[in-house]
Amino acid sequence: MELRHLRYFVAVAEERNFTRAAQRLNMAQPPLSRQIQQLEEILEVQLFQRDSRPLKLTETGKFFYAHAVQLLAQTSELESMTRRVGNIERSLSVGFVGSTLYGMLPKIIRRFRDENTTVELSLHEMSTMDQIRALKDGQIDVGFGRIRHEDANIRRVILREEKMIVAFPEGHALSLGKPVLALSDLVNETLIIFPKAPRPSYADQVLSAFADRGLKPRRIYEVRELQIALGLVAAGEGISVVPSSVYGLKRDDVSYKELDDPTLVSPIIMSTRMLDESPDLRELLELIYRLYEEERVPYAPRNDAGR
């Protein structure tokens, strides 16, 4: 059994379809099917229930999948950490969700570049779930997202809990009334949420906030990204619940209101591979907390003791 067998198997197990898995692996479907058959012959077990649509794992397949994912993640970590230890390259690849650009992330990136001139830093916009996959595949070294996702191969540090606020078109009746609003005040409005895909995402945090309070917005309008949501708000198409860092966007056609519930927050989460103890990552985390203190930005209690 070789590592490629594990990669092929994990792709099929996660996509639950040979065609989609082949596309993900940039290969044709027939060779992929043969490789999976070969793996089952090597192991002398059946990994998939081929009579089901979509594909399902057998109980043996579920066991094998859990361990295959861990082995592949450890392989990626080993490659990344060995390069760092050998100082073959000093680079840091950063994944981020678009909404984090309206907070402290740009300043963090600029300061890190200024203080670490020998590190080649690259940025990649991707959803939180794509960041998790990219970390395990070794495509990025650190991610900044908003979704609380548990994964044994990923270390998460909740940096801060960002308040949710409401964006209104200028002159909207609700924006001119009470100084703070409740979610119940918004149920008769068209709620513009983002991103539309992939999910889960910040959109699900907003929808869960309503559902947890037994509320359902009259109409939901899903869009691709924050800027589109704000543009539609400005056009009078609806309202949007956004992270408070959006205050930094100066628009004359959009106004913002606070919400009255302090539990209505969206986290900023830094994710890395569990075993990656790179000095560059430690420096980045320390820099973040230094900047938070300099800027007097409230942050979550430090939970990075494992570093």
Protein backbone atom coordinates (compact mmCIF):
# COMPACT_ATOMS: atom_id res chain seq x y z
CA MET A 1 0.00 0.00 0.00
CA GLU A 2 1.32 3.43 -0.98
CA LEU A 3 0.47 7.00 -0.02
CA ARG A 4 -1.27 7.54 -3.37
CA HIS A 5 -3.73 4.80 -2.42
CA LEU A 6 -4.61 6.75 0.72
CA ARG A 7 -5.05 10.01 -1.21
CA TYR A 8 -7.28 8.36 -3.79
CA PHE A 9 -9.34 6.59 -1.14
CA VAL A 10 -9.86 9.75 0.94
CA ALA A 11 -10.96 11.72 -2.14
CA VAL A 12 -13.58 9.09 -3.05
CA ALA A 13 -14.74 8.78 0.58
CA GLU A 14 -15.20 12.56 0.91
CA GLU A 15 -16.77 13.16 -2.50
CA ARG A 16 -18.90 9.98 -2.27
CA ASN A 17 -18.68 9.79 -6.03
CA PHE A 18 -15.93 8.45 -8.32
CA THR A 19 -16.47 11.12 -10.99
CA ARG A 20 -16.20 14.05 -8.58
CA ALA A 21 -13.23 12.44 -6.83
CA ALA A 22 -11.44 11.99 -10.16
CA GLN A 23 -12.04 15.66 -10.99
CA ARG A 24 -10.69 16.67 -7.59
CA LEU A 25 -7.57 14.56 -8.20
CA ASN A 26 -7.17 15.79 -11.79
CA MET A 27 -7.27 12.26 -13.18
CA ALA A 28 -9.60 10.07 -15.25
CA GLN A 29 -12.24 7.99 -13.49
CA PRO A 30 -11.27 4.47 -14.76
CA PRO A 31 -7.70 4.60 -13.33
CA LEU A 32 -9.10 5.88 -10.04
CA SER A 33 -11.57 2.99 -9.85
CA ARG A 34 -8.76 0.52 -10.55
CA GLN A 35 -6.61 2.05 -7.79
CA ILE A 36 -9.44 1.70 -5.26
CA GLN A 37 -10.01 -1.92 -6.33
CA GLN A 38 -6.29 -2.54 -5.97
CA LEU A 39 -6.34 -1.05 -2.46
CA GLU A 40 -9.23 -3.32 -1.45
CA GLU A 41 -7.34 -6.31 -2.85
CA ILE A 42 -4.22 -5.37 -0.87
CA LEU A 43 -6.23 -4.99 2.33
CA GLU A 44 -8.49 -7.96 1.52
CA VAL A 45 -11.57 -5.99 2.60
CA GLN A 46 -14.41 -4.05 0.98
CA LEU A 47 -14.22 -0.32 1.69
CA PHE A 48 -17.29 0.96 -0.20
CA GLN A 49 -20.89 -0.15 -0.59
CA ARG A 50 -21.03 0.16 -4.37
CA ASP A 51 -24.75 -0.54 -4.62
CA SER A 52 -25.62 2.73 -2.85
CA ARG A 53 -25.96 6.20 -4.37
CA PRO A 54 -24.21 8.26 -3.25
CA LEU A 55 -21.38 5.92 -2.32
CA LYS A 56 -21.24 4.84 1.30
CA LEU A 57 -18.35 3.49 3.31
CA THR A 58 -18.56 0.07 4.88
CA GLU A 59 -17.86 -0.10 8.61
CA THR A 60 -14.32 -1.21 7.71
CA GLY A 61 -14.10 1.71 5.29
CA LYS A 62 -15.10 4.16 8.02
CA PHE A 63 -12.33 2.83 10.25
CA PHE A 64 -9.81 3.03 7.42
CA TYR A 65 -10.90 6.56 6.47
CA ALA A 66 -10.38 7.94 9.99
CA HIS A 67 -6.81 6.66 10.08
CA ALA A 68 -6.02 7.47 6.44
CA VAL A 69 -6.93 11.15 6.99
CA GLN A 70 -4.64 11.32 10.01
CA LEU A 71 -1.74 9.68 8.16
CA LEU A 72 -2.06 12.07 5.20
CA ALA A 73 -2.22 15.07 7.50
CA GLN A 74 0.86 13.90 9.38
CA THR A 75 2.68 13.41 6.08
CA SER A 76 1.92 16.98 5.01
CA GLU A 77 3.00 18.27 8.41
CA LEU A 78 6.23 16.29 8.22
CA GLU A 79 7.05 17.74 4.79
CA SER A 80 6.29 21.30 5.89
CA MET A 81 8.15 21.09 9.19
CA THR A 82 11.19 19.39 7.65
CA ARG A 83 11.53 22.21 5.13
CA ARG A 84 11.34 24.73 7.93
CA VAL A 85 13.85 22.92 10.15
CA GLY A 86 16.27 22.63 7.24
CA ASN A 87 15.68 26.28 6.38
CA ILE A 88 15.32 25.26 2.74
CA GLU A 89 12.64 27.86 2.46
CA ARG A 90 11.14 30.47 4.75
CA SER A 91 7.63 31.02 3.56
CA LEU A 92 4.22 31.37 5.13
CA SER A 93 1.05 30.71 3.17
CA VAL A 94 -2.03 32.32 4.72
CA GLY A 95 -5.67 31.45 4.02
CA PHE A 96 -8.40 33.89 5.01
CA VAL A 97 -12.13 34.46 4.66
CA GLY A 98 -12.96 37.74 2.96
CA SER A 99 -14.72 39.36 5.92
CA THR A 100 -11.52 39.26 8.02
CA LEU A 101 -9.99 41.87 5.69
CA TYR A 102 -12.23 44.53 7.25
CA GLY A 103 -10.71 43.99 10.68
CA MET A 104 -7.11 43.75 11.87
CA LEU A 105 -5.81 41.21 9.35
CA PRO A 106 -4.34 43.72 6.82
CA LYS A 107 -2.45 45.50 9.61
CA ILE A 108 -1.24 42.14 10.97
CA ILE A 109 0.06 41.11 7.55
CA ARG A 110 1.84 44.44 6.97
CA ARG A 111 3.51 44.35 10.39
CA PHE A 112 4.57 40.73 9.98
CA ARG A 113 6.16 41.52 6.62
CA ASP A 114 7.97 44.54 8.11
CA GLU A 115 9.32 42.50 11.03
CA ASN A 116 10.12 39.31 9.08
CA THR A 117 11.64 40.47 5.82
CA THR A 118 13.19 37.06 5.02
CA VAL A 119 9.83 35.26 5.10
CA GLU A 120 7.96 35.03 1.81
CA LEU A 121 4.32 35.52 2.70
CA SER A 122 1.42 34.67 0.35
CA LEU A 123 -2.31 35.21 0.81
CA HIS A 124 -5.19 33.03 -0.39
CA GLU A 125 -8.89 33.82 0.00
CA MET A 126 -10.83 30.65 0.88
CA SER A 127 -13.67 29.53 3.10
CA THR A 128 -12.99 28.16 6.57
CA MET A 129 -13.73 24.59 5.44
CA ASP A 130 -11.43 24.98 2.44
CA GLN A 131 -8.74 26.26 4.84
CA ILE A 132 -9.03 23.08 6.92
CA ARG A 133 -8.57 20.94 3.84
CA ALA A 134 -5.70 23.14 2.55
CA LEU A 135 -3.92 22.89 5.91
CA LYS A 136 -4.13 19.10 5.90
CA ASP A 137 -2.98 18.98 2.26
CA GLY A 138 -0.02 21.26 3.04
CA GLN A 139 -1.25 24.01 0.69
CA ILE A 140 -1.36 26.69 3.40
CA ASP A 141 0.34 27.05 6.79
CA VAL A 142 -2.24 29.10 8.69
CA GLY A 143 -5.86 30.07 8.20
CA PHE A 144 -8.09 32.84 9.52
CA GLY A 145 -11.78 31.94 9.49
CA ARG A 146 -15.02 32.12 11.44
CA ILE A 147 -16.41 28.56 11.66
CA ARG A 148 -15.91 26.48 14.81
CA HIS A 149 -14.94 23.17 13.23
CA GLU A 150 -13.45 20.32 15.23
CA ASP A 151 -10.66 18.31 13.56
CA ALA A 152 -8.10 16.18 15.37
CA ASN A 153 -5.36 17.33 12.98
CA ILE A 154 -6.05 21.05 13.34
CA ARG A 155 -5.18 23.41 16.19
CA ARG A 156 -7.64 26.29 16.60
CA VAL A 157 -7.00 29.52 18.49
CA ILE A 158 -10.05 31.77 18.98
CA LEU A 159 -8.52 35.22 18.73
CA ARG A 160 -11.58 37.34 19.39
CA GLU A 161 -15.36 37.33 19.34
CA GLU A 162 -16.58 40.03 16.98
CA LYS A 163 -19.98 41.60 17.63
CA MET A 164 -22.67 41.31 14.99
CA ILE A 165 -24.36 44.53 13.91
CA VAL A 166 -27.12 45.38 11.43
CA ALA A 167 -26.58 47.22 8.14
CA PHE A 168 -29.51 49.33 6.87
CA PRO A 169 -30.07 51.45 3.80
CA GLU A 170 -29.68 55.11 4.76
CA GLY A 171 -32.92 56.49 6.17
CA HIS A 172 -34.50 53.10 6.97
CA ALA A 173 -37.15 53.42 9.69
CA LEU A 174 -35.46 50.92 12.02
CA SER A 175 -32.16 52.76 11.75
CA LEU A 176 -33.84 55.94 12.98
CA GLY A 177 -35.66 54.42 15.95
CA LYS A 178 -34.28 52.65 19.01
CA PRO A 179 -30.56 53.06 19.84
CA VAL A 180 -30.11 49.26 19.82
CA LEU A 181 -32.16 46.54 18.18
CA ALA A 182 -33.17 42.94 18.85
CA LEU A 183 -33.21 40.23 16.19
CA SER A 184 -36.99 40.11 16.65
CA ASP A 185 -37.13 43.66 15.26
CA LEU A 186 -35.71 42.36 11.96
CA VAL A 187 -38.00 39.42 11.13
CA ASN A 188 -40.26 41.40 8.79
CA GLU A 189 -37.29 42.59 6.69
CA THR A 190 -35.58 40.88 3.77
CA LEU A 191 -32.40 39.46 5.30
CA ILE A 192 -29.39 39.47 2.98
CA ILE A 193 -26.87 36.78 3.98
CA PHE A 194 -23.41 35.86 2.73
CA PRO A 195 -21.58 33.91 1.48
CA LYS A 196 -24.04 31.85 -0.55
CA ALA A 197 -21.49 29.03 -0.91
CA PRO A 198 -19.64 27.03 0.21
CA ARG A 199 -21.37 26.15 3.45
CA PRO A 200 -21.19 26.07 6.42
CA SER A 201 -20.18 29.73 6.60
CA TYR A 202 -20.88 33.05 8.29
CA ALA A 203 -24.35 32.89 6.69
CA ASP A 204 -25.16 29.87 8.86
CA GLN A 205 -24.03 31.72 12.00
CA VAL A 206 -26.55 34.45 11.22
CA LEU A 207 -29.36 32.02 10.41
CA SER A 208 -28.62 30.01 13.57
CA ALA A 209 -28.84 33.19 15.65
CA PHE A 210 -32.43 33.68 14.44
CA ALA A 211 -33.35 29.99 14.74
CA ASP A 212 -31.96 29.73 18.29
CA ARG A 213 -34.41 32.45 19.31
CA GLY A 214 -37.37 30.88 17.55
CA LEU A 215 -37.31 33.53 14.82
CA LYS A 216 -37.56 33.26 11.06
CA PRO A 217 -36.91 36.20 8.70
CA ARG A 218 -39.73 36.95 6.26
CA ARG A 219 -37.43 36.57 3.25
CA ILE A 220 -33.81 35.49 2.84
CA TYR A 221 -31.62 36.72 -0.01
CA GLU A 222 -28.31 34.84 -0.41
CA VAL A 223 -25.34 36.53 -2.10
CA ARG A 224 -21.73 35.62 -2.82
CA GLU A 225 -19.85 38.06 -0.59
CA LEU A 226 -20.01 40.90 1.93
CA GLN A 227 -19.48 43.73 -0.57
CA ILE A 228 -22.43 42.54 -2.67
CA ALA A 229 -24.60 42.32 0.46
CA LEU A 230 -23.76 45.91 1.39
CA GLY A 231 -24.37 47.08 -2.16
CA LEU A 232 -27.84 45.52 -2.10
CA VAL A 233 -28.50 47.04 1.33
CA ALA A 234 -27.57 50.46 -0.08
CA ALA A 235 -29.97 49.84 -2.97
CA GLY A 236 -32.81 49.21 -0.52
CA GLU A 237 -33.14 45.48 -1.25
CA GLY A 238 -32.98 44.51 2.42
CA ILE A 239 -30.85 44.54 5.53
CA SER A 240 -27.84 42.47 6.55
CA VAL A 241 -26.32 41.24 9.83
CA VAL A 242 -22.58 41.85 9.49
CA PRO A 243 -19.43 41.68 11.65
CA SER A 244 -18.72 44.93 13.50
CA SER A 245 -15.38 45.37 11.70
CA VAL A 246 -17.49 46.53 8.73
CA TYR A 247 -17.77 49.85 10.61
CA GLY A 248 -14.45 50.59 8.94
CA LEU A 249 -16.16 50.75 5.54
CA LYS A 250 -17.20 54.35 5.13
CA ARG A 251 -20.38 54.41 3.03
CA ASP A 252 -22.81 57.31 2.93
CA ASP A 253 -25.65 55.08 1.75
CA VAL A 254 -25.46 52.48 4.55
CA SER A 255 -25.94 52.94 8.30
CA TYR A 256 -25.32 50.51 11.14
CA LYS A 257 -27.08 49.66 14.39
CA GLU A 258 -25.93 47.69 17.42
CA LEU A 259 -27.77 44.57 18.60
CA ASP A 260 -28.88 44.24 22.21
CA ASP A 261 -27.65 40.68 22.79
CA PRO A 262 -23.93 40.37 23.75
CA THR A 263 -23.94 36.70 22.72
CA LEU A 264 -24.49 37.66 19.07
CA VAL A 265 -20.88 37.33 18.00
CA SER A 266 -18.81 35.80 15.22
CA PRO A 267 -15.36 34.46 16.16
CA ILE A 268 -12.08 35.15 14.42
CA ILE A 269 -10.24 31.81 14.52
CA MET A 270 -6.60 31.11 13.66
CA SER A 271 -6.07 27.52 12.49
CA THR A 272 -2.80 25.63 12.00
CA ARG A 273 -1.73 21.99 11.68
CA MET A 274 -1.72 20.37 15.10
CA LEU A 275 1.96 19.37 15.05
CA ASP A 276 3.34 22.47 13.32
CA GLU A 277 5.54 24.30 15.85
CA SER A 278 7.13 26.68 13.33
CA PRO A 279 8.83 29.74 14.85
CA ASP A 280 7.17 31.85 12.14
CA LEU A 281 3.73 30.75 13.34
CA ARG A 282 4.61 31.48 16.96
CA GLU A 283 5.88 34.91 15.92
CA LEU A 284 2.67 35.58 13.99
CA LEU A 285 0.49 34.70 16.97
CA GLU A 286 2.53 36.86 19.36
CA LEU A 287 2.36 39.72 16.88
CA ILE A 288 -1.44 39.45 16.73
CA TYR A 289 -1.77 39.79 20.49
CA ARG A 290 0.71 42.69 20.55
CA LEU A 291 -1.32 44.53 17.93
CA TYR A 292 -4.58 43.83 19.75
CA GLU A 293 -3.10 45.41 22.86
CA GLU A 294 -1.66 48.39 20.96
CA GLU A 295 -4.99 49.04 19.26
CA ARG A 296 -6.97 48.22 22.43
CA VAL A 297 -8.96 45.59 20.57
CA PRO A 298 -10.82 43.22 22.92
CA TYR A 299 -9.66 39.65 22.43
CA ALA A 300 -10.61 36.24 23.75
CA PRO A 301 -8.68 34.72 26.67
CA ARG A 302 -5.54 33.14 25.25
CA ASN A 303 -6.06 29.42 24.59
CA ASP A 304 -2.77 28.74 22.80
CA ALA A 305 -1.07 27.04 25.73
CA GLY A 306 -0.38 24.01 23.57
CA ARG A 307 2.09 25.97 21.45
